C-alpha atoms as a PDB file:
ATOM      1  CA  MET A   1     -35.835 -21.532  30.399  1.00  0.00           C
ATOM      2  CA  LYS A   2     -34.738 -23.477  27.300  1.00  0.00           C
ATOM      3  CA  LYS A   3     -35.525 -20.457  25.128  1.00  0.00           C
ATOM      4  CA  LEU A   4     -33.362 -18.230  27.299  1.00  0.00           C
ATOM      5  CA  ILE A   5     -30.453 -20.653  27.129  1.00  0.00           C
ATOM      6  CA  LEU A   6     -30.898 -20.976  23.371  1.00  0.00           C
ATOM      7  CA  PHE A   7     -30.931 -17.180  23.056  1.00  0.00           C
ATOM      8  CA  VAL A   8     -27.771 -16.790  25.138  1.00  0.00           C
ATOM      9  CA  VAL A   9     -25.921 -19.588  23.353  1.00  0.00           C
ATOM     10  CA  LEU A  10     -26.909 -18.770  19.760  1.00  0.00           C
ATOM     11  CA  VAL A  11     -28.219 -15.257  19.323  1.00  0.00           C
ATOM     12  CA  LEU A  12     -26.111 -13.259  21.754  1.00  0.00           C
ATOM     13  CA  PRO A  13     -22.732 -14.258  20.218  1.00  0.00           C
ATOM     14  CA  ILE A  14     -24.019 -13.413  16.741  1.00  0.00           C
ATOM     15  CA  VAL A  15     -25.225  -9.991  17.884  1.00  0.00           C
ATOM     16  CA  ALA A  16     -21.883  -9.349  19.619  1.00  0.00           C
ATOM     17  CA  LEU A  17     -19.945 -10.384  16.509  1.00  0.00           C
ATOM     18  CA  LEU A  18     -22.038  -8.141  14.272  1.00  0.00           C
ATOM     19  CA  TYR A  19     -21.648  -5.217  16.640  1.00  0.00           C
ATOM     20  CA  PHE A  20     -17.874  -5.666  16.772  1.00  0.00           C
ATOM     21  CA  SER A  21     -17.583  -6.083  12.999  1.00  0.00           C
ATOM     22  CA  LEU A  22     -19.779  -3.154  12.053  1.00  0.00           C
ATOM     23  CA  THR A  23     -18.215  -0.672  14.480  1.00  0.00           C
ATOM     24  CA  ARG A  24     -14.627  -1.240  13.342  1.00  0.00           C
ATOM     25  CA  ASN A  25     -12.957   0.798  10.616  1.00  0.00           C
ATOM     26  CA  PRO A  26     -10.993  -1.663   8.415  1.00  0.00           C
ATOM     27  CA  ARG A  27      -8.443   1.067   7.631  1.00  0.00           C
ATOM     28  CA  GLU A  28      -7.526   1.148  11.325  1.00  0.00           C
ATOM     29  CA  LEU A  29      -6.678  -2.531  11.481  1.00  0.00           C
ATOM     30  CA  PRO A  30      -2.914  -2.961  11.730  1.00  0.00           C
ATOM     31  CA  SER A  31      -1.017  -4.921   9.123  1.00  0.00           C
ATOM     32  CA  ALA A  32       0.500  -8.215  10.250  1.00  0.00           C
ATOM     33  CA  LEU A  33       3.656  -7.167   8.374  1.00  0.00           C
ATOM     34  CA  ILE A  34       4.508  -4.167  10.567  1.00  0.00           C
ATOM     35  CA  ASP A  35       7.987  -4.577  12.086  1.00  0.00           C
ATOM     36  CA  LYS A  36       8.670  -7.602   9.891  1.00  0.00           C
ATOM     37  CA  PRO A  37      10.902  -7.943   6.815  1.00  0.00           C
ATOM     38  CA  ALA A  38       9.216  -6.696   3.660  1.00  0.00           C
ATOM     39  CA  PRO A  39       8.572  -9.474   1.140  1.00  0.00           C
ATOM     40  CA  ASP A  40      11.163  -9.298  -1.612  1.00  0.00           C
ATOM     41  CA  PHE A  41      10.105  -8.829  -5.207  1.00  0.00           C
ATOM     42  CA  ALA A  42      11.574  -8.600  -8.693  1.00  0.00           C
ATOM     43  CA  LEU A  43       9.236  -6.563 -10.878  1.00  0.00           C
ATOM     44  CA  GLN A  44       9.498  -4.933 -14.283  1.00  0.00           C
ATOM     45  CA  THR A  45       8.943  -1.219 -14.836  1.00  0.00           C
ATOM     46  CA  LEU A  46       6.809   0.031 -17.710  1.00  0.00           C
ATOM     47  CA  ASP A  47      10.132   0.599 -19.516  1.00  0.00           C
ATOM     48  CA  GLY A  48      11.221  -3.029 -19.035  1.00  0.00           C
ATOM     49  CA  ALA A  49      13.867  -2.529 -16.324  1.00  0.00           C
ATOM     50  CA  THR A  50      13.851  -4.928 -13.363  1.00  0.00           C
ATOM     51  CA  VAL A  51      13.610  -3.582  -9.819  1.00  0.00           C
ATOM     52  CA  THR A  52      14.169  -5.772  -6.775  1.00  0.00           C
ATOM     53  CA  LEU A  53      13.543  -4.822  -3.195  1.00  0.00           C
ATOM     54  CA  ALA A  54      16.867  -6.423  -2.271  1.00  0.00           C
ATOM     55  CA  SER A  55      18.681  -3.937  -4.530  1.00  0.00           C
ATOM     56  CA  LEU A  56      17.148  -1.069  -2.531  1.00  0.00           C
ATOM     57  CA  LYS A  57      18.461  -2.248   0.837  1.00  0.00           C
ATOM     58  CA  GLY A  58      20.241   0.579   2.614  1.00  0.00           C
ATOM     59  CA  HIS A  59      17.643   3.096   1.415  1.00  0.00           C
ATOM     60  CA  PRO A  60      14.231   3.933   2.815  1.00  0.00           C
ATOM     61  CA  VAL A  61      11.545   2.668   0.430  1.00  0.00           C
ATOM     62  CA  VAL A  62       7.961   3.762  -0.114  1.00  0.00           C
ATOM     63  CA  ILE A  63       5.749   1.416  -2.142  1.00  0.00           C
ATOM     64  CA  ASN A  64       2.344   2.625  -3.315  1.00  0.00           C
ATOM     65  CA  PHE A  65      -0.125   0.092  -4.740  1.00  0.00           C
ATOM     66  CA  TRP A  66      -2.531   1.849  -7.140  1.00  0.00           C
ATOM     67  CA  SER A  67      -4.773   1.474 -10.206  1.00  0.00           C
ATOM     68  CA  THR A  68      -5.883   3.763 -12.994  1.00  0.00           C
ATOM     69  CA  TRP A  69      -9.552   3.003 -12.246  1.00  0.00           C
ATOM     70  CA  CYS A  70      -9.188   4.083  -8.601  1.00  0.00           C
ATOM     71  CA  GLY A  71     -10.576   7.565  -7.983  1.00  0.00           C
ATOM     72  CA  THR A  72      -8.688   7.869  -4.701  1.00  0.00           C
ATOM     73  CA  CYS A  73      -5.459   6.965  -6.512  1.00  0.00           C
ATOM     74  CA  LEU A  74      -6.062   9.819  -8.936  1.00  0.00           C
ATOM     75  CA  GLY A  75      -6.584  12.068  -5.919  1.00  0.00           C
ATOM     76  CA  GLU A  76      -3.190  11.179  -4.478  1.00  0.00           C
ATOM     77  CA  HIS A  77      -1.336  11.152  -7.826  1.00  0.00           C
ATOM     78  CA  ARG A  78      -0.185  14.768  -7.557  1.00  0.00           C
ATOM     79  CA  LEU A  79       1.256  14.088  -4.085  1.00  0.00           C
ATOM     80  CA  ILE A  80       3.056  10.991  -5.400  1.00  0.00           C
ATOM     81  CA  ARG A  81       4.537  13.073  -8.255  1.00  0.00           C
ATOM     82  CA  GLN A  82       5.756  15.771  -5.868  1.00  0.00           C
ATOM     83  CA  ALA A  83       7.080  13.221  -3.399  1.00  0.00           C
ATOM     84  CA  TYR A  84       9.044  11.345  -6.057  1.00  0.00           C
ATOM     85  CA  GLN A  85      10.738  14.532  -7.229  1.00  0.00           C
ATOM     86  CA  ALA A  86      11.630  15.483  -3.647  1.00  0.00           C
ATOM     87  CA  MET A  87      12.627  12.022  -2.402  1.00  0.00           C
ATOM     88  CA  GLU A  88      14.800  10.775  -5.240  1.00  0.00           C
ATOM     89  CA  PRO A  89      17.650  13.257  -4.578  1.00  0.00           C
ATOM     90  CA  LYS A  90      17.514  12.377  -0.850  1.00  0.00           C
ATOM     91  CA  GLY A  91      18.022   8.654  -1.475  1.00  0.00           C
ATOM     92  CA  VAL A  92      14.465   7.599  -0.661  1.00  0.00           C
ATOM     93  CA  ALA A  93      13.109   5.110  -3.194  1.00  0.00           C
ATOM     94  CA  LEU A  94       9.466   5.547  -4.212  1.00  0.00           C
ATOM     95  CA  TYR A  95       7.733   3.059  -6.495  1.00  0.00           C
ATOM     96  CA  SER A  96       4.136   2.594  -7.606  1.00  0.00           C
ATOM     97  CA  ILE A  97       2.984  -0.992  -8.116  1.00  0.00           C
ATOM     98  CA  LEU A  98       0.105  -1.391 -10.558  1.00  0.00           C
ATOM     99  CA  TYR A  99      -2.773  -3.378  -9.068  1.00  0.00           C
ATOM    100  CA  GLU A 100      -5.337  -5.273 -11.182  1.00  0.00           C
ATOM    101  CA  ASP A 101      -4.722  -3.082 -14.216  1.00  0.00           C
ATOM    102  CA  THR A 102      -2.884  -3.104 -17.532  1.00  0.00           C
ATOM    103  CA  PRO A 103       0.391  -1.500 -18.582  1.00  0.00           C
ATOM    104  CA  GLU A 104      -1.486   0.230 -21.416  1.00  0.00           C
ATOM    105  CA  ASN A 105      -3.859   1.876 -18.950  1.00  0.00           C
ATOM    106  CA  ALA A 106      -0.926   2.954 -16.789  1.00  0.00           C
ATOM    107  CA  GLU A 107       0.829   4.519 -19.795  1.00  0.00           C
ATOM    108  CA  LYS A 108      -2.315   6.442 -20.767  1.00  0.00           C
ATOM    109  CA  PHE A 109      -2.797   7.583 -17.164  1.00  0.00           C
ATOM    110  CA  MET A 110       0.797   8.839 -16.893  1.00  0.00           C
ATOM    111  CA  ASN A 111       0.551  10.623 -20.230  1.00  0.00           C
ATOM    112  CA  LYS A 112      -2.661  12.347 -19.152  1.00  0.00           C
ATOM    113  CA  TYR A 113      -1.819  13.197 -15.509  1.00  0.00           C
ATOM    114  CA  GLY A 114       1.977  13.321 -15.580  1.00  0.00           C
ATOM    115  CA  LYS A 115       4.652  10.800 -14.767  1.00  0.00           C
ATOM    116  CA  ALA A 116       5.218  10.151 -11.096  1.00  0.00           C
ATOM    117  CA  ALA A 117       7.144   7.389  -9.361  1.00  0.00           C
ATOM    118  CA  PRO A 118       8.299   4.535 -11.591  1.00  0.00           C
ATOM    119  CA  VAL A 119       5.459   2.081 -12.183  1.00  0.00           C
ATOM    120  CA  LEU A 120       6.133  -1.578 -11.461  1.00  0.00           C
ATOM    121  CA  LEU A 121       4.045  -4.336 -13.012  1.00  0.00           C
ATOM    122  CA  ASP A 122       2.765  -7.152 -10.799  1.00  0.00           C
ATOM    123  CA  PRO A 123       1.452  -9.873 -13.115  1.00  0.00           C
ATOM    124  CA  GLY A 124      -0.611 -12.391 -11.212  1.00  0.00           C
ATOM    125  CA  LEU A 125      -0.691 -10.035  -8.198  1.00  0.00           C
ATOM    126  CA  LYS A 126       2.001 -12.074  -6.419  1.00  0.00           C
ATOM    127  CA  THR A 127       3.553  -9.013  -4.781  1.00  0.00           C
ATOM    128  CA  ALA A 128       0.174  -7.568  -3.815  1.00  0.00           C
ATOM    129  CA  ILE A 129      -0.737 -10.898  -2.213  1.00  0.00           C
ATOM    130  CA  ASP A 130       2.617 -11.097  -0.414  1.00  0.00           C
ATOM    131  CA  TYR A 131       1.965  -7.631   1.050  1.00  0.00           C
ATOM    132  CA  GLY A 132      -1.642  -8.441   1.941  1.00  0.00           C
ATOM    133  CA  VAL A 133      -3.117  -5.727  -0.265  1.00  0.00           C
ATOM    134  CA  VAL A 134      -6.916  -5.830  -0.216  1.00  0.00           C
ATOM    135  CA  GLY A 135      -7.648  -2.631  -2.133  1.00  0.00           C
ATOM    136  CA  VAL A 136      -6.030   0.470  -3.485  1.00  0.00           C
ATOM    137  CA  PRO A 137      -4.444   2.723  -2.649  1.00  0.00           C
ATOM    138  CA  GLU A 138      -2.245   1.109  -0.030  1.00  0.00           C
ATOM    139  CA  THR A 139       1.212   2.407   0.788  1.00  0.00           C
ATOM    140  CA  PHE A 140       4.032   0.674   2.657  1.00  0.00           C
ATOM    141  CA  PHE A 141       6.957   2.438   4.331  1.00  0.00           C
ATOM    142  CA  ILE A 142      10.084   0.270   4.543  1.00  0.00           C
ATOM    143  CA  ASP A 143      13.201   1.248   6.482  1.00  0.00           C
ATOM    144  CA  LYS A 144      16.845   0.965   5.352  1.00  0.00           C
ATOM    145  CA  GLU A 145      17.075  -2.566   6.745  1.00  0.00           C
ATOM    146  CA  GLY A 146      14.058  -3.744   4.753  1.00  0.00           C
ATOM    147  CA  ILE A 147      11.575  -3.751   7.658  1.00  0.00           C
ATOM    148  CA  ILE A 148       8.008  -2.528   7.096  1.00  0.00           C
ATOM    149  CA  ARG A 149       7.422   0.276   9.602  1.00  0.00           C
ATOM    150  CA  TYR A 150       4.029   1.598   8.536  1.00  0.00           C
ATOM    151  CA  LYS A 151       1.138   0.828   6.204  1.00  0.00           C
ATOM    152  CA  GLN A 152      -1.384   3.405   5.030  1.00  0.00           C
ATOM    153  CA  ALA A 153      -4.635   1.936   3.736  1.00  0.00           C
ATOM    154  CA  GLY A 154      -6.432   4.593   1.740  1.00  0.00           C
ATOM    155  CA  MET A 155      -5.356   7.918   0.356  1.00  0.00           C
ATOM    156  CA  LEU A 156      -2.089   9.397   1.516  1.00  0.00           C
ATOM    157  CA  THR A 157      -2.056  12.870   2.962  1.00  0.00           C
ATOM    158  CA  PRO A 158       1.030  15.082   2.926  1.00  0.00           C
ATOM    159  CA  ASP A 159       1.252  14.811   6.739  1.00  0.00           C
ATOM    160  CA  ILE A 160       1.230  11.020   6.683  1.00  0.00           C
ATOM    161  CA  LEU A 161       3.620  10.742   3.746  1.00  0.00           C
ATOM    162  CA  TRP A 162       6.230  13.219   4.947  1.00  0.00           C
ATOM    163  CA  GLY A 163       5.884  12.202   8.593  1.00  0.00           C
ATOM    164  CA  GLU A 164       6.502   8.533   7.811  1.00  0.00           C
ATOM    165  CA  VAL A 165       9.386   9.314   5.435  1.00  0.00           C
ATOM    166  CA  GLU A 166      10.976  11.428   8.170  1.00  0.00           C
ATOM    167  CA  GLU A 167      10.670   8.459  10.553  1.00  0.00           C
ATOM    168  CA  LEU A 168      12.357   6.200   7.968  1.00  0.00           C
ATOM    169  CA  GLN A 169      15.281   8.579   7.614  1.00  0.00           C
ATOM    170  CA  ARG A 170      16.124   8.548  11.347  1.00  0.00           C
END
């Protein structure tokens, strides 16, 4: 009887926890920031200009965290380029924040694969930490009032990108 009680008290919860943990897709876990104000930032572009989230208030904003060493980021780079060209004239701000990488690598990447959205530098990863970024790519969709409405963990697809931008413009 003691062995049964010991099994129920110790082993069963561990098995249940493992089952729950291993059957969940971490990309499906919602961000705690959804429907909350986006953390403000003041970051430098590769060209040395300063961009603040506060200065973008009144415009929908899309922020894509990426790295040059990220194969998935390379896969979505063409979409980011196309989106930037289409969104800028419509008043939608799109920025790429460099994650755990160097400005030199970003410059080489842009020269090789084409310039896309302006690249913001995040020394010390303060902005990435504020947004809860755990890996790249991660993309945040922020409405005109500065509220995060959606987070995409993993590679963007055209359907997700354009669908979420359309929602921001309503």
